[in-house]
Amino acid sequence: ENVGDDFIRSLAGFLGRGALITGGCAVLGASIAILGRNTTAALGVVLGYLVVVENILRGLRPGWDSWYLLENIGIVLGGEPIDGVARSVTGAALVLLAYLGVVVAGTAAVFAHRDVI
């Protein structure tokens, strides 16, 4: 059975976006592990944020949906906006990149001060 070009393009886009999200998560995990000086810190911080902090923020600030990490990951991975979240795929990718940039810059500053100097 022949597979259409639209399917191939859609699959390639999904795999590419998934690879970028995975790479970003790896960089985030490594940054937090460097700050905490072990892998357990990265797992604890990410799990604690996603399960506890982000859900508390959802309850307190439901209008901030377009700024939450999971919504933006869902938009990028799905390749289309999510109902109720006013953000495009490109906008969500830029938000995630900005969050990652802040964490990496903070990690670099802490690492340079704590371990290099």
PDB file of N, CA and C in Angstrom:
ATOM      1  N   GLU A   1       0.843  -1.180   0.000  1.00  0.00           N
ATOM      2  CA  GLU A   1       0.000   0.000   0.000  1.00  0.00           C
ATOM      3  C   GLU A   1       0.882   1.235   0.000  1.00  0.00           C
ATOM      4  N   ASN A   2       0.526   2.204  -0.811  1.00  0.00           N
ATOM      5  CA  ASN A   2       1.293   3.434  -0.928  1.00  0.00           C
ATOM      6  C   ASN A   2       0.974   4.376   0.224  1.00  0.00           C
ATOM      7  N   VAL A   3       2.004   4.996   0.720  1.00  0.00           N
ATOM      8  CA  VAL A   3       1.843   5.988   1.772  1.00  0.00           C
ATOM      9  C   VAL A   3       1.974   7.361   1.121  1.00  0.00           C
ATOM     10  N   GLY A   4       1.056   8.256   1.443  1.00  0.00           N
ATOM     11  CA  GLY A   4       1.053   9.574   0.817  1.00  0.00           C
ATOM     12  C   GLY A   4       2.156  10.486   1.333  1.00  0.00           C
ATOM     13  N   ASP A   5       2.447  11.491   0.529  1.00  0.00           N
ATOM     14  CA  ASP A   5       3.469  12.476   0.905  1.00  0.00           C
ATOM     15  C   ASP A   5       3.088  13.239   2.171  1.00  0.00           C
ATOM     16  N   ASP A   6       1.790  13.491   2.339  1.00  0.00           N
ATOM     17  CA  ASP A   6       1.353  14.210   3.547  1.00  0.00           C
ATOM     18  C   ASP A   6       1.683  13.412   4.807  1.00  0.00           C
ATOM     19  N   PHE A   7       1.488  12.114   4.757  1.00  0.00           N
ATOM     20  CA  PHE A   7       1.804  11.274   5.911  1.00  0.00           C
ATOM     21  C   PHE A   7       3.296  11.304   6.207  1.00  0.00           C
ATOM     22  N   ILE A   8       4.115  11.188   5.177  1.00  0.00           N
ATOM     23  CA  ILE A   8       5.569  11.194   5.355  1.00  0.00           C
ATOM     24  C   ILE A   8       6.018  12.527   5.939  1.00  0.00           C
ATOM     25  N   ARG A   9       5.478  13.621   5.423  1.00  0.00           N
ATOM     26  CA  ARG A   9       5.822  14.952   5.939  1.00  0.00           C
ATOM     27  C   ARG A   9       5.389  15.103   7.391  1.00  0.00           C
ATOM     28  N   SER A  10       4.194  14.631   7.706  1.00  0.00           N
ATOM     29  CA  SER A  10       3.669  14.709   9.069  1.00  0.00           C
ATOM     30  C   SER A  10       4.523  13.876  10.035  1.00  0.00           C
ATOM     31  N   LEU A  11       4.877  12.678   9.608  1.00  0.00           N
ATOM     32  CA  LEU A  11       5.701  11.808  10.439  1.00  0.00           C
ATOM     33  C   LEU A  11       7.089  12.396  10.657  1.00  0.00           C
ATOM     34  N   ALA A  12       7.684  12.926   9.601  1.00  0.00           N
ATOM     35  CA  ALA A  12       9.013  13.541   9.719  1.00  0.00           C
ATOM     36  C   ALA A  12       8.975  14.745  10.659  1.00  0.00           C
ATOM     37  N   GLY A  13       7.923  15.541  10.547  1.00  0.00           N
ATOM     38  CA  GLY A  13       7.778  16.691  11.437  1.00  0.00           C
ATOM     39  C   GLY A  13       7.639  16.266  12.890  1.00  0.00           C
ATOM     40  N   PHE A  14       6.804  15.247  13.119  1.00  0.00           N
ATOM     41  CA  PHE A  14       6.621  14.748  14.488  1.00  0.00           C
ATOM     42  C   PHE A  14       7.927  14.213  15.055  1.00  0.00           C
ATOM     43  N   LEU A  15       8.648  13.422  14.270  1.00  0.00           N
ATOM     44  CA  LEU A  15       9.918  12.856  14.749  1.00  0.00           C
ATOM     45  C   LEU A  15      10.958  13.948  14.990  1.00  0.00           C
ATOM     46  N   GLY A  16      11.000  14.939  14.106  1.00  0.00           N
ATOM     47  CA  GLY A  16      11.939  16.044  14.293  1.00  0.00           C
ATOM     48  C   GLY A  16      11.625  16.857  15.532  1.00  0.00           C
ATOM     49  N   ARG A  17      10.340  17.187  15.715  1.00  0.00           N
ATOM     50  CA  ARG A  17       9.954  17.944  16.916  1.00  0.00           C
ATOM     51  C   ARG A  17      10.196  17.128  18.175  1.00  0.00           C
ATOM     52  N   GLY A  18       9.930  15.832  18.106  1.00  0.00           N
ATOM     53  CA  GLY A  18      10.184  14.958  19.253  1.00  0.00           C
ATOM     54  C   GLY A  18      11.659  14.894  19.601  1.00  0.00           C
ATOM     55  N   ALA A  19      12.506  14.848  18.576  1.00  0.00           N
ATOM     56  CA  ALA A  19      13.950  14.829  18.815  1.00  0.00           C
ATOM     57  C   ALA A  19      14.420  16.137  19.453  1.00  0.00           C
ATOM     58  N   LEU A  20      13.876  17.256  19.000  1.00  0.00           N
ATOM     59  CA  LEU A  20      14.249  18.543  19.591  1.00  0.00           C
ATOM     60  C   LEU A  20      13.787  18.647  21.042  1.00  0.00           C
ATOM     61  N   ILE A  21      12.574  18.191  21.328  1.00  0.00           N
ATOM     62  CA  ILE A  21      12.080  18.199  22.714  1.00  0.00           C
ATOM     63  C   ILE A  21      12.962  17.297  23.579  1.00  0.00           C
ATOM     64  N   THR A  22      13.301  16.124  23.074  1.00  0.00           N
ATOM     65  CA  THR A  22      14.147  15.196  23.827  1.00  0.00           C
ATOM     66  C   THR A  22      15.513  15.800  24.105  1.00  0.00           C
ATOM     67  N   GLY A  23      16.093  16.441  23.114  1.00  0.00           N
ATOM     68  CA  GLY A  23      17.387  17.099  23.306  1.00  0.00           C
ATOM     69  C   GLY A  23      17.303  18.216  24.332  1.00  0.00           C
ATOM     70  N   GLY A  24      16.229  19.001  24.254  1.00  0.00           N
ATOM     71  CA  GLY A  24      16.043  20.075  25.234  1.00  0.00           C
ATOM     72  C   GLY A  24      15.881  19.533  26.643  1.00  0.00           C
ATOM     73  N   CYS A  25      15.139  18.441  26.781  1.00  0.00           N
ATOM     74  CA  CYS A  25      14.973  17.814  28.101  1.00  0.00           C
ATOM     75  C   CYS A  25      16.303  17.276  28.626  1.00  0.00           C
ATOM     76  N   ALA A  26      17.121  16.749  27.735  1.00  0.00           N
ATOM     77  CA  ALA A  26      18.436  16.252  28.146  1.00  0.00           C
ATOM     78  C   ALA A  26      19.315  17.399  28.637  1.00  0.00           C
ATOM     79  N   VAL A  27      19.293  18.515  27.932  1.00  0.00           N
ATOM     80  CA  VAL A  27      20.080  19.681  28.353  1.00  0.00           C
ATOM     81  C   VAL A  27      19.551  20.224  29.679  1.00  0.00           C
ATOM     82  N   LEU A  28      18.233  20.278  29.822  1.00  0.00           N
ATOM     83  CA  LEU A  28      17.635  20.732  31.076  1.00  0.00           C
ATOM     84  C   LEU A  28      18.048  19.825  32.233  1.00  0.00           C
ATOM     85  N   GLY A  29      17.941  18.519  32.026  1.00  0.00           N
ATOM     86  CA  GLY A  29      18.321  17.571  33.067  1.00  0.00           C
ATOM     87  C   GLY A  29      19.785  17.681  33.436  1.00  0.00           C
ATOM     88  N   ALA A  30      20.640  17.829  32.438  1.00  0.00           N
ATOM     89  CA  ALA A  30      22.073  17.971  32.707  1.00  0.00           C
ATOM     90  C   ALA A  30      22.357  19.262  33.473  1.00  0.00           C
ATOM     91  N   SER A  31      21.670  20.334  33.115  1.00  0.00           N
ATOM     92  CA  SER A  31      21.876  21.611  33.810  1.00  0.00           C
ATOM     93  C   SER A  31      21.471  21.516  35.277  1.00  0.00           C
ATOM     94  N   ILE A  32      20.321  20.916  35.519  1.00  0.00           N
ATOM     95  CA  ILE A  32      19.869  20.784  36.910  1.00  0.00           C
ATOM     96  C   ILE A  32      20.771  19.825  37.667  1.00  0.00           C
ATOM     97  N   ALA A  33      21.234  18.771  37.015  1.00  0.00           N
ATOM     98  CA  ALA A  33      22.152  17.834  37.674  1.00  0.00           C
ATOM     99  C   ALA A  33      23.471  18.518  38.024  1.00  0.00           C
ATOM    100  N   ILE A  34      23.945  19.414  37.180  1.00  0.00           N
ATOM    101  CA  ILE A  34      25.167  20.158  37.486  1.00  0.00           C
ATOM    102  C   ILE A  34      24.936  21.067  38.688  1.00  0.00           C
ATOM    103  N   LEU A  35      23.790  21.729  38.725  1.00  0.00           N
ATOM    104  CA  LEU A  35      23.490  22.604  39.865  1.00  0.00           C
ATOM    105  C   LEU A  35      23.395  21.816  41.169  1.00  0.00           C
ATOM    106  N   GLY A  36      22.725  20.668  41.107  1.00  0.00           N
ATOM    107  CA  GLY A  36      22.536  19.864  42.312  1.00  0.00           C
ATOM    108  C   GLY A  36      23.653  18.882  42.578  1.00  0.00           C
ATOM    109  N   ARG A  37      24.589  18.800  41.651  1.00  0.00           N
ATOM    110  CA  ARG A  37      25.754  17.923  41.733  1.00  0.00           C
ATOM    111  C   ARG A  37      25.421  16.438  41.735  1.00  0.00           C
ATOM    112  N   ASN A  38      24.223  16.075  41.304  1.00  0.00           N
ATOM    113  CA  ASN A  38      23.896  14.660  41.092  1.00  0.00           C
ATOM    114  C   ASN A  38      22.612  14.528  40.268  1.00  0.00           C
ATOM    115  N   THR A  39      22.418  13.354  39.726  1.00  0.00           N
ATOM    116  CA  THR A  39      21.267  13.104  38.859  1.00  0.00           C
ATOM    117  C   THR A  39      19.957  13.117  39.630  1.00  0.00           C
ATOM    118  N   THR A  40      20.002  12.709  40.871  1.00  0.00           N
ATOM    119  CA  THR A  40      18.788  12.682  41.687  1.00  0.00           C
ATOM    120  C   THR A  40      18.184  14.073  41.811  1.00  0.00           C
ATOM    121  N   ALA A  41      19.034  15.082  41.887  1.00  0.00           N
ATOM    122  CA  ALA A  41      18.541  16.456  41.958  1.00  0.00           C
ATOM    123  C   ALA A  41      17.727  16.796  40.717  1.00  0.00           C
ATOM    124  N   ALA A  42      18.222  16.409  39.552  1.00  0.00           N
ATOM    125  CA  ALA A  42      17.509  16.705  38.308  1.00  0.00           C
ATOM    126  C   ALA A  42      16.154  16.006  38.290  1.00  0.00           C
ATOM    127  N   LEU A  43      16.129  14.743  38.645  1.00  0.00           N
ATOM    128  CA  LEU A  43      14.866  13.999  38.656  1.00  0.00           C
ATOM    129  C   LEU A  43      13.887  14.596  39.657  1.00  0.00           C
ATOM    130  N   GLY A  44      14.381  14.927  40.845  1.00  0.00           N
ATOM    131  CA  GLY A  44      13.521  15.495  41.883  1.00  0.00           C
ATOM    132  C   GLY A  44      12.973  16.852  41.507  1.00  0.00           C
ATOM    133  N   VAL A  45      13.818  17.714  40.956  1.00  0.00           N
ATOM    134  CA  VAL A  45      13.377  19.063  40.593  1.00  0.00           C
ATOM    135  C   VAL A  45      12.359  19.018  39.460  1.00  0.00           C
ATOM    136  N   VAL A  46      12.646  18.269  38.416  1.00  0.00           N
ATOM    137  CA  VAL A  46      11.728  18.208  37.278  1.00  0.00           C
ATOM    138  C   VAL A  46      10.406  17.562  37.687  1.00  0.00           C
ATOM    139  N   LEU A  47      10.472  16.450  38.378  1.00  0.00           N
ATOM    140  CA  LEU A  47       9.244  15.788  38.818  1.00  0.00           C
ATOM    141  C   LEU A  47       8.467  16.681  39.781  1.00  0.00           C
ATOM    142  N   GLY A  48       9.158  17.290  40.720  1.00  0.00           N
ATOM    143  CA  GLY A  48       8.500  18.189  41.668  1.00  0.00           C
ATOM    144  C   GLY A  48       7.846  19.366  40.978  1.00  0.00           C
ATOM    145  N   TYR A  49       8.528  19.928  39.988  1.00  0.00           N
ATOM    146  CA  TYR A  49       7.946  21.055  39.268  1.00  0.00           C
ATOM    147  C   TYR A  49       6.709  20.623  38.486  1.00  0.00           C
ATOM    148  N   LEU A  50       6.843  19.554  37.709  1.00  0.00           N
ATOM    149  CA  LEU A  50       5.735  19.149  36.844  1.00  0.00           C
ATOM    150  C   LEU A  50       4.527  18.651  37.628  1.00  0.00           C
ATOM    151  N   VAL A  51       4.759  17.916  38.713  1.00  0.00           N
ATOM    152  CA  VAL A  51       3.648  17.329  39.458  1.00  0.00           C
ATOM    153  C   VAL A  51       3.075  18.303  40.482  1.00  0.00           C
ATOM    154  N   VAL A  52       3.928  19.041  41.170  1.00  0.00           N
ATOM    155  CA  VAL A  52       3.451  19.881  42.262  1.00  0.00           C
ATOM    156  C   VAL A  52       3.307  21.346  41.847  1.00  0.00           C
ATOM    157  N   VAL A  53       4.409  21.974  41.474  1.00  0.00           N
ATOM    158  CA  VAL A  53       4.413  23.422  41.253  1.00  0.00           C
ATOM    159  C   VAL A  53       3.502  23.826  40.094  1.00  0.00           C
ATOM    160  N   GLU A  54       3.636  23.152  38.961  1.00  0.00           N
ATOM    161  CA  GLU A  54       2.825  23.555  37.812  1.00  0.00           C
ATOM    162  C   GLU A  54       1.333  23.342  38.088  1.00  0.00           C
ATOM    163  N   ASN A  55       0.971  22.306  38.819  1.00  0.00           N
ATOM    164  CA  ASN A  55      -0.445  22.095  39.142  1.00  0.00           C
ATOM    165  C   ASN A  55      -0.965  23.110  40.148  1.00  0.00           C
ATOM    166  N   ILE A  56      -0.143  23.513  41.093  1.00  0.00           N
ATOM    167  CA  ILE A  56      -0.549  24.577  42.016  1.00  0.00           C
ATOM    168  C   ILE A  56      -0.757  25.876  41.244  1.00  0.00           C
ATOM    169  N   LEU A  57       0.183  26.181  40.340  1.00  0.00           N
ATOM    170  CA  LEU A  57       0.043  27.389  39.529  1.00  0.00           C
ATOM    171  C   LEU A  57      -1.206  27.341  38.662  1.00  0.00           C
ATOM    172  N   ARG A  58      -1.538  26.172  38.121  1.00  0.00           N
ATOM    173  CA  ARG A  58      -2.761  26.024  37.319  1.00  0.00           C
ATOM    174  C   ARG A  58      -3.994  26.388  38.131  1.00  0.00           C
ATOM    175  N   GLY A  59      -4.013  25.963  39.391  1.00  0.00           N
ATOM    176  CA  GLY A  59      -5.153  26.269  40.242  1.00  0.00           C
ATOM    177  C   GLY A  59      -5.220  27.739  40.608  1.00  0.00           C
ATOM    178  N   LEU A  60      -4.056  28.349  40.842  1.00  0.00           N
ATOM    179  CA  LEU A  60      -4.019  29.752  41.247  1.00  0.00           C
ATOM    180  C   LEU A  60      -4.130  30.711  40.067  1.00  0.00           C
ATOM    181  N   ARG A  61      -3.562  30.351  38.948  1.00  0.00           N
ATOM    182  CA  ARG A  61      -3.530  31.221  37.774  1.00  0.00           C
ATOM    183  C   ARG A  61      -3.949  30.461  36.506  1.00  0.00           C
ATOM    184  N   PRO A  62      -5.230  30.164  36.356  1.00  0.00           N
ATOM    185  CA  PRO A  62      -5.673  29.403  35.179  1.00  0.00           C
ATOM    186  C   PRO A  62      -5.477  30.165  33.865  1.00  0.00           C
ATOM    187  N   GLY A  63      -5.365  31.468  33.906  1.00  0.00           N
ATOM    188  CA  GLY A  63      -5.173  32.256  32.697  1.00  0.00           C
ATOM    189  C   GLY A  63      -3.759  32.197  32.145  1.00  0.00           C
ATOM    190  N   TRP A  64      -2.879  31.565  32.850  1.00  0.00           N
ATOM    191  CA  TRP A  64      -1.479  31.486  32.412  1.00  0.00           C
ATOM    192  C   TRP A  64      -1.190  30.233  31.592  1.00  0.00           C
ATOM    193  N   ASP A  65      -2.199  29.579  31.072  1.00  0.00           N
ATOM    194  CA  ASP A  65      -2.025  28.308  30.369  1.00  0.00           C
ATOM    195  C   ASP A  65      -0.961  28.349  29.284  1.00  0.00           C
ATOM    196  N   SER A  66      -0.849  29.469  28.591  1.00  0.00           N
ATOM    197  CA  SER A  66       0.107  29.531  27.485  1.00  0.00           C
ATOM    198  C   SER A  66       1.557  29.626  27.964  1.00  0.00           C
ATOM    199  N   TRP A  67       1.778  29.751  29.273  1.00  0.00           N
ATOM    200  CA  TRP A  67       3.139  29.854  29.796  1.00  0.00           C
ATOM    201  C   TRP A  67       3.606  28.587  30.497  1.00  0.00           C
ATOM    202  N   TYR A  68       2.719  27.612  30.683  1.00  0.00           N
ATOM    203  CA  TYR A  68       3.113  26.389  31.385  1.00  0.00           C
ATOM    204  C   TYR A  68       3.952  25.486  30.498  1.00  0.00           C
ATOM    205  N   LEU A  69       4.877  24.801  31.109  1.00  0.00           N
ATOM    206  CA  LEU A  69       5.823  23.954  30.391  1.00  0.00           C
ATOM    207  C   LEU A  69       5.110  22.845  29.616  1.00  0.00           C
ATOM    208  N   LEU A  70       4.213  22.130  30.266  1.00  0.00           N
ATOM    209  CA  LEU A  70       3.562  20.998  29.608  1.00  0.00           C
ATOM    210  C   LEU A  70       2.696  21.416  28.424  1.00  0.00           C
ATOM    211  N   GLU A  71       2.008  22.536  28.520  1.00  0.00           N
ATOM    212  CA  GLU A  71       1.196  23.004  27.393  1.00  0.00           C
ATOM    213  C   GLU A  71       2.085  23.314  26.197  1.00  0.00           C
ATOM    214  N   ASN A  72       3.195  23.990  26.444  1.00  0.00           N
ATOM    215  CA  ASN A  72       4.092  24.343  25.344  1.00  0.00           C
ATOM    216  C   ASN A  72       4.747  23.113  24.731  1.00  0.00           C
ATOM    217  N   ILE A  73       5.103  22.144  25.550  1.00  0.00           N
ATOM    218  CA  ILE A  73       5.649  20.890  25.010  1.00  0.00           C
ATOM    219  C   ILE A  73       4.584  20.186  24.160  1.00  0.00           C
ATOM    220  N   GLY A  74       3.350  20.169  24.633  1.00  0.00           N
ATOM    221  CA  GLY A  74       2.263  19.542  23.879  1.00  0.00           C
ATOM    222  C   GLY A  74       2.008  20.221  22.546  1.00  0.00           C
ATOM    223  N   ILE A  75       2.085  21.533  22.517  1.00  0.00           N
ATOM    224  CA  ILE A  75       1.878  22.265  21.269  1.00  0.00           C
ATOM    225  C   ILE A  75       2.998  21.944  20.276  1.00  0.00           C
ATOM    226  N   VAL A  76       4.234  21.976  20.764  1.00  0.00           N
ATOM    227  CA  VAL A  76       5.369  21.701  19.863  1.00  0.00           C
ATOM    228  C   VAL A  76       5.320  20.262  19.376  1.00  0.00           C
ATOM    229  N   LEU A  77       5.117  19.326  20.262  1.00  0.00           N
ATOM    230  CA  LEU A  77       5.123  17.920  19.876  1.00  0.00           C
ATOM    231  C   LEU A  77       3.951  17.582  18.949  1.00  0.00           C
ATOM    232  N   GLY A  78       2.782  18.130  19.248  1.00  0.00           N
ATOM    233  CA  GLY A  78       1.605  17.869  18.420  1.00  0.00           C
ATOM    234  C   GLY A  78       1.628  18.591  17.087  1.00  0.00           C
ATOM    235  N   GLY A  79       2.375  19.669  17.008  1.00  0.00           N
ATOM    236  CA  GLY A  79       2.475  20.407  15.752  1.00  0.00           C
ATOM    237  C   GLY A  79       1.296  21.297  15.448  1.00  0.00           C
ATOM    238  N   GLU A  80       0.441  21.516  16.439  1.00  0.00           N
ATOM    239  CA  GLU A  80      -0.702  22.409  16.246  1.00  0.00           C
ATOM    240  C   GLU A  80      -1.125  22.976  17.593  1.00  0.00           C
ATOM    241  N   PRO A  81      -1.751  24.151  17.584  1.00  0.00           N
ATOM    242  CA  PRO A  81      -2.173  24.765  18.839  1.00  0.00           C
ATOM    243  C   PRO A  81      -3.167  23.887  19.603  1.00  0.00           C
ATOM    244  N   ILE A  82      -3.189  24.063  20.906  1.00  0.00           N
ATOM    245  CA  ILE A  82      -4.116  23.350  21.782  1.00  0.00           C
ATOM    246  C   ILE A  82      -5.285  24.280  22.086  1.00  0.00           C
ATOM    247  N   ASP A  83      -6.498  23.719  22.124  1.00  0.00           N
ATOM    248  CA  ASP A  83      -7.675  24.527  22.444  1.00  0.00           C
ATOM    249  C   ASP A  83      -7.498  25.219  23.785  1.00  0.00           C
ATOM    250  N   GLY A  84      -7.799  26.499  23.826  1.00  0.00           N
ATOM    251  CA  GLY A  84      -7.731  27.255  25.062  1.00  0.00           C
ATOM    252  C   GLY A  84      -6.361  27.829  25.363  1.00  0.00           C
ATOM    253  N   VAL A  85      -5.362  27.511  24.554  1.00  0.00           N
ATOM    254  CA  VAL A  85      -4.011  28.050  24.756  1.00  0.00           C
ATOM    255  C   VAL A  85      -3.668  28.885  23.529  1.00  0.00           C
ATOM    256  N   ALA A  86      -3.515  30.177  23.748  1.00  0.00           N
ATOM    257  CA  ALA A  86      -3.269  31.097  22.642  1.00  0.00           C
ATOM    258  C   ALA A  86      -1.783  31.163  22.308  1.00  0.00           C
ATOM    259  N   ARG A  87      -1.282  30.109  21.642  1.00  0.00           N
ATOM    260  CA  ARG A  87       0.124  30.113  21.257  1.00  0.00           C
ATOM    261  C   ARG A  87       0.298  29.219  20.034  1.00  0.00           C
ATOM    262  N   SER A  88       1.086  29.694  19.091  1.00  0.00           N
ATOM    263  CA  SER A  88       1.385  28.906  17.891  1.00  0.00           C
ATOM    264  C   SER A  88       2.495  27.911  18.197  1.00  0.00           C
ATOM    265  N   VAL A  89       2.753  27.020  17.265  1.00  0.00           N
ATOM    266  CA  VAL A  89       3.824  26.039  17.436  1.00  0.00           C
ATOM    267  C   VAL A  89       5.164  26.760  17.543  1.00  0.00           C
ATOM    268  N   THR A  90       5.392  27.736  16.676  1.00  0.00           N
ATOM    269  CA  THR A  90       6.644  28.503  16.725  1.00  0.00           C
ATOM    270  C   THR A  90       6.756  29.270  18.032  1.00  0.00           C
ATOM    271  N   GLY A  91       5.660  29.878  18.461  1.00  0.00           N
ATOM    272  CA  GLY A  91       5.669  30.610  19.728  1.00  0.00           C
ATOM    273  C   GLY A  91       5.967  29.697  20.904  1.00  0.00           C
ATOM    274  N   ALA A  92       5.374  28.509  20.908  1.00  0.00           N
ATOM    275  CA  ALA A  92       5.630  27.552  21.991  1.00  0.00           C
ATOM    276  C   ALA A  92       7.085  27.101  21.980  1.00  0.00           C
ATOM    277  N   ALA A  93       7.642  26.876  20.794  1.00  0.00           N
ATOM    278  CA  ALA A  93       9.046  26.476  20.697  1.00  0.00           C
ATOM    279  C   ALA A  93       9.952  27.584  21.214  1.00  0.00           C
ATOM    280  N   LEU A  94       9.616  28.826  20.913  1.00  0.00           N
ATOM    281  CA  LEU A  94      10.430  29.950  21.398  1.00  0.00           C
ATOM    282  C   LEU A  94      10.338  30.101  22.914  1.00  0.00           C
ATOM    283  N   VAL A  95       9.150  29.873  23.466  1.00  0.00           N
ATOM    284  CA  VAL A  95       9.001  29.921  24.929  1.00  0.00           C
ATOM    285  C   VAL A  95       9.858  28.842  25.584  1.00  0.00           C
ATOM    286  N   LEU A  96       9.795  27.618  25.049  1.00  0.00           N
ATOM    287  CA  LEU A  96      10.612  26.530  25.607  1.00  0.00           C
ATOM    288  C   LEU A  96      12.091  26.832  25.476  1.00  0.00           C
ATOM    289  N   LEU A  97      12.493  27.399  24.346  1.00  0.00           N
ATOM    290  CA  LEU A  97      13.896  27.760  24.143  1.00  0.00           C
ATOM    291  C   LEU A  97      14.323  28.850  25.121  1.00  0.00           C
ATOM    292  N   ALA A  98      13.446  29.800  25.382  1.00  0.00           N
ATOM    293  CA  ALA A  98      13.761  30.856  26.353  1.00  0.00           C
ATOM    294  C   ALA A  98      13.913  30.274  27.761  1.00  0.00           C
ATOM    295  N   TYR A  99      12.993  29.397  28.157  1.00  0.00           N
ATOM    296  CA  TYR A  99      13.111  28.755  29.469  1.00  0.00           C
ATOM    297  C   TYR A  99      14.422  27.993  29.584  1.00  0.00           C
ATOM    298  N   LEU A 100      14.751  27.242  28.540  1.00  0.00           N
ATOM    299  CA  LEU A 100      15.981  26.463  28.547  1.00  0.00           C
ATOM    300  C   LEU A 100      17.200  27.381  28.596  1.00  0.00           C
ATOM    301  N   GLY A 101      17.151  28.475  27.858  1.00  0.00           N
ATOM    302  CA  GLY A 101      18.257  29.435  27.866  1.00  0.00           C
ATOM    303  C   GLY A 101      18.492  30.030  29.241  1.00  0.00           C
ATOM    304  N   VAL A 102      17.421  30.348  29.949  1.00  0.00           N
ATOM    305  CA  VAL A 102      17.551  30.901  31.303  1.00  0.00           C
ATOM    306  C   VAL A 102      18.202  29.880  32.237  1.00  0.00           C
ATOM    307  N   VAL A 103      17.758  28.636  32.167  1.00  0.00           N
ATOM    308  CA  VAL A 103      18.321  27.595  33.035  1.00  0.00           C
ATOM    309  C   VAL A 103      19.790  27.345  32.700  1.00  0.00           C
ATOM    310  N   VAL A 104      20.119  27.265  31.414  1.00  0.00           N
ATOM    311  CA  VAL A 104      21.506  27.006  31.015  1.00  0.00           C
ATOM    312  C   VAL A 104      22.405  28.178  31.392  1.00  0.00           C
ATOM    313  N   ALA A 105      21.937  29.402  31.188  1.00  0.00           N
ATOM    314  CA  ALA A 105      22.738  30.571  31.566  1.00  0.00           C
ATOM    315  C   ALA A 105      22.952  30.615  33.075  1.00  0.00           C
ATOM    316  N   GLY A 106      21.908  30.323  33.837  1.00  0.00           N
ATOM    317  CA  GLY A 106      22.057  30.283  35.296  1.00  0.00           C
ATOM    318  C   GLY A 106      23.010  29.193  35.732  1.00  0.00           C
ATOM    319  N   THR A 107      22.918  28.037  35.098  1.00  0.00           N
ATOM    320  CA  THR A 107      23.824  26.936  35.422  1.00  0.00           C
ATOM    321  C   THR A 107      25.261  27.308  35.087  1.00  0.00           C
ATOM    322  N   ALA A 108      25.470  27.934  33.944  1.00  0.00           N
ATOM    323  CA  ALA A 108      26.823  28.333  33.555  1.00  0.00           C
ATOM    324  C   ALA A 108      27.400  29.329  34.551  1.00  0.00           C
ATOM    325  N   ALA A 109      26.578  30.278  34.989  1.00  0.00           N
ATOM    326  CA  ALA A 109      27.050  31.266  35.957  1.00  0.00           C
ATOM    327  C   ALA A 109      27.397  30.618  37.293  1.00  0.00           C
ATOM    328  N   VAL A 110      26.530  29.740  37.773  1.00  0.00           N
ATOM    329  CA  VAL A 110      26.797  29.051  39.050  1.00  0.00           C
ATOM    330  C   VAL A 110      28.017  28.161  38.933  1.00  0.00           C
ATOM    331  N   PHE A 111      28.118  27.426  37.835  1.00  0.00           N
ATOM    332  CA  PHE A 111      29.256  26.527  37.627  1.00  0.00           C
ATOM    333  C   PHE A 111      30.556  27.321  37.574  1.00  0.00           C
ATOM    334  N   ALA A 112      30.562  28.418  36.841  1.00  0.00           N
ATOM    335  CA  ALA A 112      31.779  29.230  36.725  1.00  0.00           C
ATOM    336  C   ALA A 112      32.188  29.796  38.085  1.00  0.00           C
ATOM    337  N   HIS A 113      31.218  30.223  38.860  1.00  0.00           N
ATOM    338  CA  HIS A 113      31.532  30.800  40.173  1.00  0.00           C
ATOM    339  C   HIS A 113      31.931  29.728  41.187  1.00  0.00           C
ATOM    340  N   ARG A 114      31.219  28.640  41.203  1.00  0.00           N
ATOM    341  CA  ARG A 114      31.418  27.609  42.219  1.00  0.00           C
ATOM    342  C   ARG A 114      32.582  26.676  41.907  1.00  0.00           C
ATOM    343  N   ASP A 115      32.723  26.249  40.663  1.00  0.00           N
ATOM    344  CA  ASP A 115      33.669  25.200  40.350  1.00  0.00           C
ATOM    345  C   ASP A 115      34.902  25.645  39.565  1.00  0.00           C
ATOM    346  N   VAL A 116      34.839  26.777  38.909  1.00  0.00           N
ATOM    347  CA  VAL A 116      35.966  27.203  38.071  1.00  0.00           C
ATOM    348  C   VAL A 116      36.842  28.199  38.803  1.00  0.00           C
ATOM    349  N   ILE A 117      36.210  29.162  39.421  1.00  0.00           N
ATOM    350  CA  ILE A 117      36.987  30.230  40.079  1.00  0.00           C
ATOM    351  C   ILE A 117      37.486  29.759  41.435  1.00  0.00           C
TER     352      ILE A 117
END
